[in-house]
Amino acid sequence: GTVVMLAPGSGLGCAFVDQSGLALDGDTLAGMEASHMPAPLHLMDAKPYPCGCGRTWGCVEVYTSLSGLPYLLEERLQKHADHDLAKSTLSAKEKAFSLRGLAQKGDPLALELFDFQAKALGLHVAMLAMVLDPKFVVIGGGLMDPEATTTTFRERYLGILSDTARAYLWPAQRDSISIVPAALGDLSQAIGAALAALYQNRS
């Protein structure tokens, strides 16, 4: 079956693999730059933060990856003035880097931010599903890495993401699309590159 792969990390990696096993790349190799589609800000109650790509319309990547956490954290800290990070002298990027560890210790603010990101990625899954209608949606990246995150954290993140996506999928898709965590970890990129070369040589 067809597969959509989404990997939030420093940015948001996106891929679509068709039934032949080949990834969508397009005529100019810009296919599946889905992380730079505009996010549905009205559903997220969010502002259009600038993205590293140069766009200012609110790229999905900003709301689902590390790149946008400094913006989101700064906004949330205005309502959490007594949080340790509000008093910290760390840079905005350093504060953002610390959030994953804090979330896994149960910090309410950090969990709120990753819950927001999970919902944002869930909305993106639903939008991509309307166009691509995949059999599987695989969620990878650092947040799904068993060596970097706890089982509780991963289950919470994937659960919120899945629930959000399913609320916006077409009824026929809710039972047919499987949203699952990636299983290959850091090897996935090397394996994917090798398979792409193999399939292209066969075609």
Protein backbone atom coordinates (compact mmCIF):
# COMPACT_ATOMS: atom_id res chain seq x y z
CA GLY A 1 0.00 0.00 0.00
CA THR A 2 0.93 3.66 -0.25
CA VAL A 3 2.78 5.34 2.60
CA VAL A 4 3.10 8.90 3.92
CA MET A 5 6.13 9.43 6.16
CA LEU A 6 6.38 12.44 8.48
CA ALA A 7 9.46 12.96 10.63
CA PRO A 8 9.46 15.97 12.98
CA GLY A 9 12.91 16.94 14.22
CA SER A 10 14.90 20.11 13.63
CA GLY A 11 12.50 20.53 10.71
CA LEU A 12 9.73 18.34 9.30
CA GLY A 13 10.71 15.62 6.85
CA CYS A 14 7.92 14.45 4.53
CA ALA A 15 7.71 11.64 1.97
CA PHE A 16 5.11 9.75 -0.04
CA VAL A 17 5.86 6.29 -1.38
CA ASP A 18 3.56 4.90 -4.05
CA GLN A 19 2.65 1.29 -4.74
CA SER A 20 5.71 0.81 -6.94
CA GLY A 21 7.94 1.61 -3.97
CA LEU A 22 9.20 4.92 -5.37
CA ALA A 23 9.08 8.17 -3.44
CA LEU A 24 7.34 11.19 -4.97
CA ASP A 25 9.93 13.77 -6.03
CA GLY A 26 8.26 15.74 -8.84
CA ASP A 27 9.70 17.32 -11.98
CA THR A 28 12.09 19.61 -10.08
CA LEU A 29 12.79 17.26 -7.12
CA ALA A 30 10.58 19.51 -4.96
CA GLY A 31 7.79 16.97 -4.55
CA MET A 32 6.46 16.42 -1.02
CA GLU A 33 7.85 19.66 0.39
CA ALA A 34 4.71 19.33 2.46
CA SER A 35 6.32 20.83 5.55
CA HIS A 36 6.10 24.23 3.85
CA MET A 37 2.39 24.12 3.16
CA PRO A 38 0.47 26.71 5.22
CA ALA A 39 -0.89 25.35 8.49
CA PRO A 40 -4.63 25.74 9.27
CA LEU A 41 -3.95 28.47 11.84
CA HIS A 42 -7.65 29.09 12.51
CA LEU A 43 -8.00 25.52 13.80
CA MET A 44 -4.85 25.84 15.92
CA ASP A 45 -5.48 29.31 17.38
CA ALA A 46 -1.95 30.21 16.26
CA LYS A 47 -0.11 33.14 14.70
CA PRO A 48 1.72 32.96 11.32
CA TYR A 49 5.31 32.65 12.51
CA PRO A 50 8.13 32.94 9.93
CA CYS A 51 9.79 29.76 8.69
CA GLY A 52 13.45 29.15 7.90
CA CYS A 53 12.45 28.69 4.23
CA GLY A 54 11.64 32.40 4.05
CA ARG A 55 7.86 32.08 3.93
CA THR A 56 5.79 33.97 6.48
CA TRP A 57 2.38 32.37 5.93
CA GLY A 58 2.82 29.89 8.78
CA CYS A 59 4.48 26.76 7.37
CA VAL A 60 3.42 23.50 9.03
CA GLU A 61 7.08 22.90 9.93
CA VAL A 62 7.06 25.84 12.35
CA TYR A 63 4.26 24.31 14.44
CA THR A 64 5.44 20.70 14.40
CA SER A 65 9.23 20.78 14.83
CA LEU A 66 12.08 22.15 16.90
CA SER A 67 12.44 25.11 14.52
CA GLY A 68 9.24 26.69 15.81
CA LEU A 69 9.48 25.82 19.49
CA PRO A 70 11.23 29.10 20.44
CA TYR A 71 8.25 31.07 19.05
CA LEU A 72 5.69 28.85 20.74
CA LEU A 73 7.58 28.81 24.04
CA GLU A 74 7.98 32.59 24.14
CA GLU A 75 4.25 32.99 23.61
CA ARG A 76 3.37 30.45 26.32
CA LEU A 77 5.84 31.89 28.85
CA GLN A 78 3.85 35.13 28.87
CA LYS A 79 1.17 33.12 30.71
CA HIS A 80 3.67 31.16 32.84
CA ALA A 81 5.83 33.93 34.31
CA ASP A 82 6.84 31.83 37.34
CA HIS A 83 8.11 28.90 35.23
CA ASP A 84 11.84 28.23 35.55
CA LEU A 85 12.34 28.87 31.82
CA ALA A 86 10.77 32.33 32.16
CA LYS A 87 13.52 33.22 34.65
CA SER A 88 16.30 31.38 32.81
CA THR A 89 19.20 33.16 31.10
CA LEU A 90 19.46 30.43 28.46
CA SER A 91 19.02 31.43 24.82
CA ALA A 92 15.66 30.80 23.15
CA LYS A 93 17.13 27.85 21.23
CA GLU A 94 18.63 26.33 24.39
CA LYS A 95 15.30 26.65 26.17
CA ALA A 96 13.61 24.91 23.24
CA PHE A 97 16.17 22.08 23.36
CA SER A 98 15.38 21.52 27.04
CA LEU A 99 11.65 21.02 26.49
CA ARG A 100 11.72 17.36 25.47
CA GLY A 101 13.49 16.37 28.68
CA LEU A 102 11.12 18.49 30.75
CA ALA A 103 8.08 16.96 29.06
CA GLN A 104 9.28 13.47 29.89
CA LYS A 105 9.52 14.52 33.53
CA GLY A 106 5.89 15.67 33.44
CA ASP A 107 6.42 19.44 33.20
CA PRO A 108 2.95 20.86 32.38
CA LEU A 109 4.20 23.66 30.11
CA ALA A 110 6.46 21.37 28.09
CA LEU A 111 3.67 18.81 27.74
CA GLU A 112 1.30 21.57 26.59
CA LEU A 113 3.72 22.51 23.82
CA PHE A 114 4.23 18.96 22.57
CA ASP A 115 0.47 18.33 22.76
CA PHE A 116 0.04 21.40 20.55
CA GLN A 117 2.63 20.08 18.10
CA ALA A 118 0.97 16.67 18.03
CA LYS A 119 -2.38 18.28 17.20
CA ALA A 120 -0.77 20.41 14.48
CA LEU A 121 0.82 17.35 12.88
CA GLY A 122 -2.46 15.45 13.19
CA LEU A 123 -4.20 18.18 11.19
CA HIS A 124 -1.46 17.92 8.56
CA VAL A 125 -1.95 14.16 8.36
CA ALA A 126 -5.66 14.72 7.67
CA MET A 127 -4.95 17.28 4.94
CA LEU A 128 -2.38 15.06 3.21
CA ALA A 129 -4.76 12.10 3.45
CA MET A 130 -7.40 14.02 1.49
CA VAL A 131 -4.96 14.34 -1.41
CA LEU A 132 -2.90 11.14 -1.21
CA ASP A 133 -5.27 8.67 0.53
CA PRO A 134 -2.44 6.53 1.95
CA LYS A 135 -2.74 3.10 3.50
CA PHE A 136 -0.15 3.92 6.16
CA VAL A 137 1.05 7.11 7.84
CA VAL A 138 4.42 6.55 9.51
CA ILE A 139 5.57 9.02 12.17
CA GLY A 140 9.34 9.15 12.71
CA GLY A 141 11.88 11.69 13.87
CA GLY A 142 13.42 12.27 17.27
CA LEU A 143 10.11 12.35 19.13
CA MET A 144 9.47 8.73 18.13
CA ASP A 145 13.01 7.52 18.87
CA PRO A 146 12.94 4.91 21.69
CA GLU A 147 16.51 5.85 22.60
CA ALA A 148 15.59 9.51 23.11
CA THR A 149 12.05 9.44 24.49
CA THR A 150 10.04 7.39 26.96
CA THR A 151 7.24 5.02 26.01
CA THR A 152 4.77 7.22 27.90
CA PHE A 153 5.84 10.32 25.96
CA ARG A 154 5.66 8.56 22.58
CA GLU A 155 2.26 7.04 23.29
CA ARG A 156 0.84 10.38 24.42
CA TYR A 157 2.22 12.22 21.37
CA LEU A 158 1.08 9.61 18.85
CA GLY A 159 -2.30 9.25 20.54
CA ILE A 160 -3.07 12.98 20.35
CA LEU A 161 -1.81 13.11 16.76
CA SER A 162 -3.96 10.14 15.72
CA ASP A 163 -7.10 11.36 17.49
CA THR A 164 -6.75 14.79 15.87
CA ALA A 165 -6.19 13.34 12.40
CA ARG A 166 -9.10 10.91 12.62
CA ALA A 167 -11.49 13.68 13.61
CA TYR A 168 -10.85 15.32 10.21
CA LEU A 169 -10.45 12.26 7.96
CA TRP A 170 -13.24 11.19 5.65
CA PRO A 171 -15.37 8.52 7.39
CA ALA A 172 -14.19 5.83 4.94
CA GLN A 173 -10.56 6.61 5.78
CA ARG A 174 -10.85 6.36 9.56
CA ASP A 175 -10.73 2.58 9.56
CA SER A 176 -8.55 2.12 6.48
CA ILE A 177 -5.57 4.38 7.33
CA SER A 178 -3.07 3.12 9.91
CA ILE A 179 -1.05 5.76 11.78
CA VAL A 180 2.02 4.05 13.20
CA PRO A 181 5.45 4.92 14.67
CA ALA A 182 8.58 4.40 12.59
CA ALA A 183 10.53 1.26 13.49
CA LEU A 184 13.95 1.64 11.85
CA GLY A 185 15.35 4.57 13.82
CA ASP A 186 18.56 6.16 12.53
CA LEU A 187 18.95 3.43 9.89
CA SER A 188 15.80 4.49 8.06
CA GLN A 189 17.51 7.12 5.89
CA ALA A 190 20.27 4.76 4.74
CA ILE A 191 17.80 1.95 4.04
CA GLY A 192 15.50 4.33 2.17
CA ALA A 193 18.34 5.64 0.00
CA ALA A 194 19.43 2.10 -0.84
CA LEU A 195 15.89 1.03 -1.76
CA ALA A 196 15.37 4.16 -3.89
CA ALA A 197 18.53 3.35 -5.85
CA LEU A 198 17.41 -0.27 -6.24
CA TYR A 199 13.94 0.62 -7.54
CA GLN A 200 15.26 3.27 -9.91
CA ASN A 201 17.74 0.81 -11.41
CA ARG A 202 14.89 -1.62 -12.03
CA SER A 203 12.65 0.94 -13.73
